[in-house]
Protein backbone atom coordinates (compact mmCIF):
# COMPACT_ATOMS: atom_id res chain seq x y z
CA MET A 1 0.00 0.00 0.00
CA LYS A 2 1.29 3.46 -0.88
CA LYS A 3 2.20 5.96 1.83
CA LEU A 4 -0.93 7.72 3.02
CA PRO A 5 -1.02 11.53 3.34
CA ASP A 6 -1.27 12.84 6.91
CA LYS A 7 -4.71 14.36 6.30
CA THR A 8 -6.02 11.08 4.89
CA VAL A 9 -4.94 9.22 8.03
CA GLU A 10 -6.66 11.91 10.11
CA ARG A 11 -9.89 11.56 8.14
CA LEU A 12 -9.79 7.75 8.28
CA SER A 13 -9.68 7.97 12.08
CA GLN A 14 -12.69 10.30 11.98
CA TYR A 15 -14.54 7.98 9.57
CA ARG A 16 -13.96 5.03 11.88
CA ARG A 17 -15.39 6.89 14.86
CA SER A 18 -18.55 7.75 12.89
CA LEU A 19 -18.81 4.25 11.44
CA LEU A 20 -18.59 2.71 14.91
CA ASN A 21 -21.56 4.87 15.95
CA CYS A 22 -23.48 3.80 12.85
CA LEU A 23 -22.75 0.13 13.54
CA ALA A 24 -23.85 0.52 17.16
CA ASN A 25 -27.15 1.92 15.87
CA GLY A 26 -27.75 -1.17 13.73
CA LYS A 27 -26.69 0.27 10.37
CA LYS A 28 -24.79 -2.21 8.17
CA TYR A 29 -24.06 -0.31 4.95
CA ILE A 30 -23.28 3.31 4.16
CA PHE A 31 -22.74 5.42 1.03
CA SER A 32 -19.93 7.91 0.50
CA HIS A 33 -22.34 10.85 0.52
CA GLU A 34 -23.60 9.78 3.97
CA ILE A 35 -20.05 9.71 5.36
CA ALA A 36 -19.39 13.06 3.69
CA ASN A 37 -22.45 14.62 5.35
CA LEU A 38 -21.28 13.42 8.75
CA HIS A 39 -17.92 15.12 8.29
CA HIS A 40 -18.90 18.18 6.24
CA ILE A 41 -16.70 17.24 3.29
CA THR A 42 -17.40 16.11 -0.27
CA PRO A 43 -18.31 12.55 -1.32
CA VAL A 44 -15.41 12.75 -3.78
CA GLN A 45 -12.98 13.24 -0.89
CA VAL A 46 -14.46 10.28 0.98
CA ARG A 47 -14.22 8.01 -2.07
CA ARG A 48 -10.64 9.13 -2.73
CA ASP A 49 -9.58 8.37 0.85
CA ILE A 50 -11.23 4.96 0.85
CA MET A 51 -9.79 4.07 -2.57
CA LEU A 52 -6.32 4.87 -1.21
CA ILE A 53 -6.68 2.03 1.30
CA GLY A 54 -7.83 -0.36 -1.42
CA TYR A 55 -11.48 -0.67 -0.49
CA THR A 56 -14.53 -0.40 -2.74
CA GLY A 57 -18.22 -0.54 -2.05
CA THR A 58 -21.14 -1.53 -4.26
CA LEU A 59 -23.47 0.73 -6.22
CA ARG A 60 -26.51 -0.85 -4.61
CA LYS A 61 -25.48 -0.93 -0.95
CA GLY A 62 -22.43 1.28 -0.60
CA TYR A 63 -19.70 0.31 1.88
CA ASP A 64 -19.99 -2.58 4.31
CA ILE A 65 -19.54 -0.70 7.59
CA LYS A 66 -17.97 -3.52 9.62
CA ASP A 67 -15.53 -4.45 6.83
CA LEU A 68 -14.51 -0.81 6.44
CA ILE A 69 -14.02 -0.38 10.20
CA ASP A 70 -11.84 -3.52 10.29
CA LEU A 71 -9.74 -2.37 7.33
CA ILE A 72 -9.17 1.10 8.80
CA GLY A 73 -8.13 -0.59 12.04
CA GLU A 74 -5.62 -2.79 10.21
CA ILE A 75 -4.10 0.28 8.59
CA ILE A 76 -4.09 2.75 11.49
CA ASP A 77 -3.55 0.50 14.51
CA SER A 78 -0.39 -1.31 15.50
CA GLU A 79 -0.94 -5.06 15.61
CA THR A 80 0.49 -5.33 19.12
CA GLY A 81 -0.80 -1.97 20.34
CA GLN A 82 1.13 1.14 21.38
CA ASN A 83 1.65 2.68 24.80
CA VAL A 84 1.17 6.37 25.55
CA ALA A 85 2.33 8.77 28.28
CA ILE A 86 0.87 12.16 29.20
CA ILE A 87 3.32 14.81 30.36
CA GLY A 88 1.80 17.45 32.62
CA LEU A 89 -1.20 16.82 34.85
CA GLY A 90 -2.86 20.19 34.92
CA ASN A 91 -6.55 20.48 34.07
CA LEU A 92 -5.98 19.49 30.42
CA GLY A 93 -3.64 16.61 31.24
CA ARG A 94 -6.04 15.12 33.78
CA ALA A 95 -8.95 15.52 31.38
CA LEU A 96 -7.01 13.69 28.66
CA VAL A 97 -6.10 10.83 31.00
CA THR A 98 -9.76 10.37 31.88
CA TYR A 99 -11.01 10.75 28.33
CA LEU A 100 -8.44 8.59 26.55
CA SER A 101 -8.20 5.71 29.02
CA GLY A 102 -9.93 2.70 27.48
CA LYS A 103 -11.05 4.55 24.34
CA ARG A 104 -8.93 2.42 21.99
CA SER A 105 -7.70 -1.09 22.73
CA LYS A 106 -4.58 -0.50 20.63
CA LEU A 107 -3.63 2.75 22.40
CA MET A 108 -3.04 2.39 26.12
CA ILE A 109 -2.29 5.27 28.51
CA LYS A 110 0.47 3.67 30.60
CA ALA A 111 1.87 6.59 32.61
CA SER A 112 1.67 10.27 33.36
CA PHE A 113 4.34 12.69 34.58
CA ASP A 114 4.47 15.91 36.56
CA ILE A 115 6.77 17.82 38.94
CA ASN A 116 4.13 18.71 41.53
CA PRO A 117 4.77 16.56 44.66
CA GLU A 118 1.03 16.60 45.37
CA LYS A 119 0.39 14.77 42.08
CA VAL A 120 3.39 12.42 41.95
CA ASP A 121 2.69 8.82 43.02
CA ARG A 122 -1.06 9.37 42.81
CA VAL A 123 -3.35 7.55 40.36
CA TYR A 124 -5.61 9.46 37.97
CA GLY A 125 -8.15 7.60 35.89
CA GLY A 126 -6.32 4.36 36.58
CA VAL A 127 -2.99 5.85 35.44
CA LYS A 128 -0.10 6.42 37.87
CA CYS A 129 1.66 9.77 37.91
CA TYR A 130 5.47 9.71 38.13
CA HIS A 131 7.97 12.49 38.72
CA ILE A 132 9.31 13.92 35.48
CA ASP A 133 12.82 12.77 36.43
CA LYS A 134 11.69 9.17 35.92
CA ILE A 135 10.74 9.61 32.26
CA ASP A 136 13.74 7.68 30.95
CA ASP A 137 13.17 4.61 33.14
CA ILE A 138 9.37 4.48 32.83
CA VAL A 139 9.33 4.97 29.07
CA LYS A 140 11.72 2.05 28.66
CA ASN A 141 10.11 -0.19 31.29
CA GLU A 142 6.56 0.36 29.99
CA ASN A 143 7.59 0.29 26.33
CA ILE A 144 6.02 3.71 25.71
CA SER A 145 6.38 5.04 22.16
CA ILE A 146 3.99 8.03 22.13
CA ALA A 147 3.84 11.09 24.40
CA ILE A 148 1.27 13.85 24.79
CA ILE A 149 2.68 17.13 26.14
CA THR A 150 0.37 19.44 28.14
CA THR A 151 3.01 21.27 30.20
CA PRO A 152 3.48 25.05 30.47
CA ALA A 153 4.76 26.36 27.14
CA GLU A 154 8.19 27.41 28.44
CA GLU A 155 8.96 23.79 29.38
CA THR A 156 7.88 22.22 26.09
CA GLN A 157 11.21 22.06 24.23
CA LYS A 158 13.08 20.75 27.26
CA ILE A 159 10.43 18.08 27.84
CA SER A 160 10.46 17.04 24.18
CA GLU A 161 14.23 16.57 24.31
CA MET A 162 13.88 14.38 27.39
CA LEU A 163 11.23 12.30 25.61
CA VAL A 164 13.33 11.85 22.48
CA LYS A 165 16.32 10.82 24.60
CA ALA A 166 14.13 8.26 26.38
CA GLY A 167 13.12 6.69 23.05
CA ILE A 168 9.73 8.25 22.28
CA LYS A 169 8.86 7.96 18.56
CA GLY A 170 5.80 10.21 18.34
CA ILE A 171 4.73 13.41 20.13
CA LEU A 172 1.39 15.19 20.29
CA ASN A 173 2.08 18.73 21.48
CA TYR A 174 -0.93 20.44 23.06
CA THR A 175 1.00 23.56 24.08
CA PRO A 176 1.07 26.82 22.07
CA LYS A 177 4.87 26.66 21.73
CA ALA A 178 6.29 24.97 18.63
CA ILE A 179 9.05 22.43 19.24
CA ASN A 180 11.85 20.88 17.22
CA VAL A 181 12.36 17.13 17.11
CA PRO A 182 14.62 14.83 15.05
CA ASP A 183 13.33 13.50 11.73
CA HIS A 184 12.69 10.02 13.14
CA VAL A 185 10.14 11.40 15.65
CA TYR A 186 6.66 12.13 14.29
CA LEU A 187 5.31 15.43 15.63
CA GLU A 188 1.71 16.64 15.68
CA GLU A 189 1.08 20.10 17.14
CA TYR A 190 -2.35 21.27 18.19
CA ASP A 191 -2.86 24.88 19.20
CA MET A 192 -6.33 25.49 20.63
CA ILE A 193 -5.96 29.28 20.33
CA THR A 194 -5.29 29.00 16.59
CA SER A 195 -8.29 26.72 16.16
CA LEU A 196 -10.50 29.10 18.14
CA GLU A 197 -9.29 32.10 16.12
CA LYS A 198 -10.04 30.19 12.92
CA VAL A 199 -13.62 29.59 14.09
CA ALA A 200 -13.92 33.24 15.13
CA PHE A 201 -12.72 34.41 11.71
CA PHE A 202 -15.36 32.42 9.86
CA VAL A 203 -18.08 33.52 12.29
CA LYS A 204 -17.08 37.13 11.62
CA LYS A 205 -17.00 36.50 7.86
CA ASN A 206 -20.44 34.87 7.87
CA SER A 207 -21.86 37.66 10.04
CA LEU A 208 -20.65 40.30 7.59
CA SER A 209 -22.29 38.48 4.68
CA ASP A 210 -25.70 38.21 6.40
């Protein structure tokens, strides 16, 4: 299978989440225009993404939902699963621990880290919090390959360097400060302020056109 574009992988994850809801509601087949409506994109984009993973539906029924869910899982998920750590247990970090724990069988939250002595050695959402100084040992012992950073922005680069040194292969950065990582580490950066400003821009634009 050819290398998938980042945005295609992102949309496939979103498709799977919607398809799981459809399956839970007793729906067995779905057309590209139905998936497109759920995600506010075009049917052409949906068909292109699904063709890239080598799947086709039928004209009469569309896509078999369970088969498509299984195929997306084979492509996105690691066969043996991957372990995740959350760095920083402020309000966002604790919310992510609670939200993500148990959401995906192939992605397990194995540890969290902080420097606050009131948080260290406590368990949040079934996940133990360790002092940040133990990153190297815990990452290796728990075979953690992915880290989510929710620390104060000024600490982000330092934390990312510690994670890379410990052997982390992928980082999701939730702080507003951009970081630099080596080429072998996959980096995804999510800035909530930028996303909010984007929404605000289009609200303003639509208001002016009313």
